[in-house]
Amino acid sequence: MAIVQLVQFQTPLRNQVLTTSEQTTILVVEDEALIRMISADVLADAGFRVLEAENADEAIDILKGAEHVRLVFTDIRMPGCMDGLELAAFVHAHWPDVRLVVTSGHTVIPDSQIPHGGRFVSKPYDLTRLVADIRAVIDAPKSEPAETS
């Protein structure tokens, strides 16, 4: 039933247009394949270029080879060399201009604990709100937290 609810949000997102002149690249890091695919599809429908990784190891490999990832959207609990919070810290240390959105269905993290003015989004998330939150983080001035809506 939750999957049906997630998919219902896709159609309105197709009409939303990015405010930037070039397509923004987002890396979705999620070990649950179905959640990763739905999130990636919704973000692509919203006009973003989307890359996908199953864990932090894959995410780091993608970041090393990608031309320009603007934002990493990562789950906290996942297998591999580090969890999503450790990945967020690693990304901030190695790619300080990359923005961060962190998610979990098991814990809640204050936005202040996410580097670079990042944001926490609790699962299950409303996909329309997710797109708005990601845009807010991307559009926030450098070194200032994104304004919560």
C-alpha atoms as a PDB file:
ATOM      1  CA  MET A   1       0.000   0.000   0.000  1.00  0.00           C
ATOM      2  CA  ALA A   2       2.836   2.418   0.782  1.00  0.00           C
ATOM      3  CA  ILE A   3       4.280   1.814  -2.685  1.00  0.00           C
ATOM      4  CA  VAL A   4       0.991   2.818  -4.304  1.00  0.00           C
ATOM      5  CA  GLN A   5       0.971   6.023  -2.239  1.00  0.00           C
ATOM      6  CA  LEU A   6       4.531   6.846  -3.323  1.00  0.00           C
ATOM      7  CA  VAL A   7       3.771   6.344  -7.009  1.00  0.00           C
ATOM      8  CA  GLN A   8       0.663   8.565  -6.865  1.00  0.00           C
ATOM      9  CA  PHE A   9       2.892  11.600  -6.318  1.00  0.00           C
ATOM     10  CA  GLN A  10       4.744  11.170  -9.614  1.00  0.00           C
ATOM     11  CA  THR A  11       2.271  12.797 -12.002  1.00  0.00           C
ATOM     12  CA  PRO A  12       2.147  16.308 -10.434  1.00  0.00           C
ATOM     13  CA  LEU A  13       5.933  16.397 -10.268  1.00  0.00           C
ATOM     14  CA  ARG A  14       6.264  16.085 -14.050  1.00  0.00           C
ATOM     15  CA  ASN A  15       5.016  19.671 -14.438  1.00  0.00           C
ATOM     16  CA  GLN A  16       7.535  21.209 -12.039  1.00  0.00           C
ATOM     17  CA  VAL A  17      10.495  22.935 -13.685  1.00  0.00           C
ATOM     18  CA  LEU A  18      13.962  23.464 -12.254  1.00  0.00           C
ATOM     19  CA  THR A  19      14.799  27.083 -11.548  1.00  0.00           C
ATOM     20  CA  THR A  20      18.416  26.673 -12.637  1.00  0.00           C
ATOM     21  CA  SER A  21      19.482  26.870 -16.267  1.00  0.00           C
ATOM     22  CA  GLU A  22      21.304  23.558 -16.253  1.00  0.00           C
ATOM     23  CA  GLN A  23      20.128  20.169 -15.080  1.00  0.00           C
ATOM     24  CA  THR A  24      21.203  19.483 -11.499  1.00  0.00           C
ATOM     25  CA  THR A  25      22.724  16.079 -10.678  1.00  0.00           C
ATOM     26  CA  ILE A  26      21.608  14.230  -7.554  1.00  0.00           C
ATOM     27  CA  LEU A  27      23.119  11.010  -6.216  1.00  0.00           C
ATOM     28  CA  VAL A  28      20.533   8.799  -4.468  1.00  0.00           C
ATOM     29  CA  VAL A  29      22.140   6.364  -1.999  1.00  0.00           C
ATOM     30  CA  GLU A  30      19.666   3.736  -0.754  1.00  0.00           C
ATOM     31  CA  ASP A  31      20.135   0.006  -0.162  1.00  0.00           C
ATOM     32  CA  GLU A  32      16.429  -0.825  -0.626  1.00  0.00           C
ATOM     33  CA  ALA A  33      16.153  -1.160  -4.407  1.00  0.00           C
ATOM     34  CA  LEU A  34      12.454  -0.306  -4.706  1.00  0.00           C
ATOM     35  CA  ILE A  35      12.751   2.832  -2.555  1.00  0.00           C
ATOM     36  CA  ARG A  36      15.863   3.882  -4.492  1.00  0.00           C
ATOM     37  CA  MET A  37      14.125   3.385  -7.847  1.00  0.00           C
ATOM     38  CA  ILE A  38      10.967   5.270  -6.827  1.00  0.00           C
ATOM     39  CA  SER A  39      12.967   8.150  -5.361  1.00  0.00           C
ATOM     40  CA  ALA A  40      15.171   8.314  -8.455  1.00  0.00           C
ATOM     41  CA  ASP A  41      12.156   8.252 -10.790  1.00  0.00           C
ATOM     42  CA  VAL A  42      10.376  11.031  -8.894  1.00  0.00           C
ATOM     43  CA  LEU A  43      13.504  13.201  -8.857  1.00  0.00           C
ATOM     44  CA  ALA A  44      14.074  12.572 -12.571  1.00  0.00           C
ATOM     45  CA  ASP A  45      10.427  13.470 -13.260  1.00  0.00           C
ATOM     46  CA  ALA A  46      11.069  16.724 -11.362  1.00  0.00           C
ATOM     47  CA  GLY A  47      13.857  17.570 -13.809  1.00  0.00           C
ATOM     48  CA  PHE A  48      16.952  16.378 -11.979  1.00  0.00           C
ATOM     49  CA  ARG A  49      19.677  14.171 -13.455  1.00  0.00           C
ATOM     50  CA  VAL A  50      19.831  11.200 -11.077  1.00  0.00           C
ATOM     51  CA  LEU A  51      22.643   8.771 -10.298  1.00  0.00           C
ATOM     52  CA  GLU A  52      22.044   5.781  -8.017  1.00  0.00           C
ATOM     53  CA  ALA A  53      24.149   3.885  -5.499  1.00  0.00           C
ATOM     54  CA  GLU A  54      23.261   0.954  -3.246  1.00  0.00           C
ATOM     55  CA  ASN A  55      25.729   1.858  -0.481  1.00  0.00           C
ATOM     56  CA  ALA A  56      28.470   4.290   0.563  1.00  0.00           C
ATOM     57  CA  ASP A  57      31.175   2.368  -1.303  1.00  0.00           C
ATOM     58  CA  GLU A  58      29.313   2.735  -4.607  1.00  0.00           C
ATOM     59  CA  ALA A  59      28.461   6.367  -3.810  1.00  0.00           C
ATOM     60  CA  ILE A  60      32.110   7.270  -3.251  1.00  0.00           C
ATOM     61  CA  ASP A  61      33.120   5.562  -6.506  1.00  0.00           C
ATOM     62  CA  ILE A  62      30.439   7.523  -8.357  1.00  0.00           C
ATOM     63  CA  LEU A  63      31.479  10.804  -6.727  1.00  0.00           C
ATOM     64  CA  LYS A  64      35.109  10.199  -7.693  1.00  0.00           C
ATOM     65  CA  GLY A  65      34.136   9.680 -11.326  1.00  0.00           C
ATOM     66  CA  ALA A  66      31.181  12.022 -11.744  1.00  0.00           C
ATOM     67  CA  GLU A  67      31.673  15.442 -13.289  1.00  0.00           C
ATOM     68  CA  HIS A  68      29.398  17.358 -10.954  1.00  0.00           C
ATOM     69  CA  VAL A  69      27.075  15.970  -8.317  1.00  0.00           C
ATOM     70  CA  ARG A  70      25.245  18.855  -6.668  1.00  0.00           C
ATOM     71  CA  LEU A  71      23.477  16.899  -3.893  1.00  0.00           C
ATOM     72  CA  VAL A  72      23.673  13.507  -2.195  1.00  0.00           C
ATOM     73  CA  PHE A  73      20.379  12.089  -0.885  1.00  0.00           C
ATOM     74  CA  THR A  74      21.287   9.189   1.416  1.00  0.00           C
ATOM     75  CA  ASP A  75      19.624   6.741   3.748  1.00  0.00           C
ATOM     76  CA  ILE A  76      21.284   6.383   7.151  1.00  0.00           C
ATOM     77  CA  ARG A  77      21.054   2.633   7.746  1.00  0.00           C
ATOM     78  CA  MET A  78      22.710   0.638   4.981  1.00  0.00           C
ATOM     79  CA  PRO A  79      25.379  -2.035   4.617  1.00  0.00           C
ATOM     80  CA  GLY A  80      28.918  -1.271   3.591  1.00  0.00           C
ATOM     81  CA  CYS A  81      31.959   0.571   4.873  1.00  0.00           C
ATOM     82  CA  MET A  82      29.929   3.389   6.467  1.00  0.00           C
ATOM     83  CA  ASP A  83      26.371   4.453   7.201  1.00  0.00           C
ATOM     84  CA  GLY A  84      24.654   7.487   5.696  1.00  0.00           C
ATOM     85  CA  LEU A  85      25.773   9.925   8.398  1.00  0.00           C
ATOM     86  CA  GLU A  86      29.383   8.811   7.990  1.00  0.00           C
ATOM     87  CA  LEU A  87      28.936   9.131   4.223  1.00  0.00           C
ATOM     88  CA  ALA A  88      27.566  12.659   4.661  1.00  0.00           C
ATOM     89  CA  ALA A  89      30.608  13.629   6.750  1.00  0.00           C
ATOM     90  CA  PHE A  90      32.955  12.016   4.195  1.00  0.00           C
ATOM     91  CA  VAL A  91      31.260  13.808   1.297  1.00  0.00           C
ATOM     92  CA  HIS A  92      31.442  17.124   3.133  1.00  0.00           C
ATOM     93  CA  ALA A  93      35.158  16.616   3.863  1.00  0.00           C
ATOM     94  CA  HIS A  94      36.079  15.616   0.283  1.00  0.00           C
ATOM     95  CA  TRP A  95      33.495  17.504  -1.801  1.00  0.00           C
ATOM     96  CA  PRO A  96      32.518  20.494   0.356  1.00  0.00           C
ATOM     97  CA  ASP A  97      30.276  22.054  -2.303  1.00  0.00           C
ATOM     98  CA  VAL A  98      28.040  18.962  -2.502  1.00  0.00           C
ATOM     99  CA  ARG A  99      24.792  19.503  -0.594  1.00  0.00           C
ATOM    100  CA  LEU A 100      23.283  16.785   1.607  1.00  0.00           C
ATOM    101  CA  VAL A 101      19.832  15.395   2.408  1.00  0.00           C
ATOM    102  CA  VAL A 102      19.713  12.448   4.813  1.00  0.00           C
ATOM    103  CA  THR A 103      16.772  10.123   5.435  1.00  0.00           C
ATOM    104  CA  SER A 104      15.787   7.292   7.767  1.00  0.00           C
ATOM    105  CA  GLY A 105      12.740   5.396   8.901  1.00  0.00           C
ATOM    106  CA  HIS A 106      14.474   4.269  12.097  1.00  0.00           C
ATOM    107  CA  THR A 107      15.839   7.458  13.653  1.00  0.00           C
ATOM    108  CA  VAL A 108      15.378  11.217  13.518  1.00  0.00           C
ATOM    109  CA  ILE A 109      18.391  13.496  13.166  1.00  0.00           C
ATOM    110  CA  PRO A 110      18.235  17.275  13.687  1.00  0.00           C
ATOM    111  CA  ASP A 111      19.211  19.243  10.570  1.00  0.00           C
ATOM    112  CA  SER A 112      21.976  20.853  12.636  1.00  0.00           C
ATOM    113  CA  GLN A 113      23.820  17.495  12.720  1.00  0.00           C
ATOM    114  CA  ILE A 114      23.991  17.299   8.942  1.00  0.00           C
ATOM    115  CA  PRO A 115      26.981  19.114   7.415  1.00  0.00           C
ATOM    116  CA  HIS A 116      26.772  22.044   5.001  1.00  0.00           C
ATOM    117  CA  GLY A 117      23.235  23.197   5.835  1.00  0.00           C
ATOM    118  CA  GLY A 118      21.828  19.790   4.958  1.00  0.00           C
ATOM    119  CA  ARG A 119      18.410  18.513   5.838  1.00  0.00           C
ATOM    120  CA  PHE A 120      16.898  15.393   7.395  1.00  0.00           C
ATOM    121  CA  VAL A 121      13.758  13.876   5.832  1.00  0.00           C
ATOM    122  CA  SER A 122      11.941  11.185   7.794  1.00  0.00           C
ATOM    123  CA  LYS A 123      10.633   8.021   6.088  1.00  0.00           C
ATOM    124  CA  PRO A 124       8.092   7.449   4.841  1.00  0.00           C
ATOM    125  CA  TYR A 125       8.383  10.745   3.025  1.00  0.00           C
ATOM    126  CA  ASP A 126       5.886  12.612   0.928  1.00  0.00           C
ATOM    127  CA  LEU A 127       7.562  12.712  -2.478  1.00  0.00           C
ATOM    128  CA  THR A 128       6.277  16.166  -3.357  1.00  0.00           C
ATOM    129  CA  ARG A 129       7.744  17.466  -0.099  1.00  0.00           C
ATOM    130  CA  LEU A 130      10.993  15.569  -0.782  1.00  0.00           C
ATOM    131  CA  VAL A 131      11.422  17.412  -4.095  1.00  0.00           C
ATOM    132  CA  ALA A 132      10.692  20.734  -2.375  1.00  0.00           C
ATOM    133  CA  ASP A 133      13.182  19.968   0.420  1.00  0.00           C
ATOM    134  CA  ILE A 134      15.880  18.982  -2.063  1.00  0.00           C
ATOM    135  CA  ARG A 135      15.315  22.177  -4.055  1.00  0.00           C
ATOM    136  CA  ALA A 136      15.497  24.234  -0.847  1.00  0.00           C
ATOM    137  CA  VAL A 137      18.838  22.664   0.091  1.00  0.00           C
ATOM    138  CA  ILE A 138      20.233  23.172  -3.420  1.00  0.00           C
ATOM    139  CA  ASP A 139      19.017  26.773  -3.598  1.00  0.00           C
ATOM    140  CA  ALA A 140      20.137  27.765  -0.077  1.00  0.00           C
ATOM    141  CA  PRO A 141      23.028  30.216   0.019  1.00  0.00           C
ATOM    142  CA  LYS A 142      26.400  28.562   0.511  1.00  0.00           C
ATOM    143  CA  SER A 143      27.263  27.907   4.178  1.00  0.00           C
ATOM    144  CA  GLU A 144      23.753  28.742   5.429  1.00  0.00           C
ATOM    145  CA  PRO A 145      21.205  26.123   6.469  1.00  0.00           C
ATOM    146  CA  ALA A 146      18.251  25.645   4.176  1.00  0.00           C
ATOM    147  CA  GLU A 147      15.095  27.332   5.405  1.00  0.00           C
ATOM    148  CA  THR A 148      12.515  24.829   6.618  1.00  0.00           C
ATOM    149  CA  SER A 149       9.073  25.024   5.127  1.00  0.00           C
END
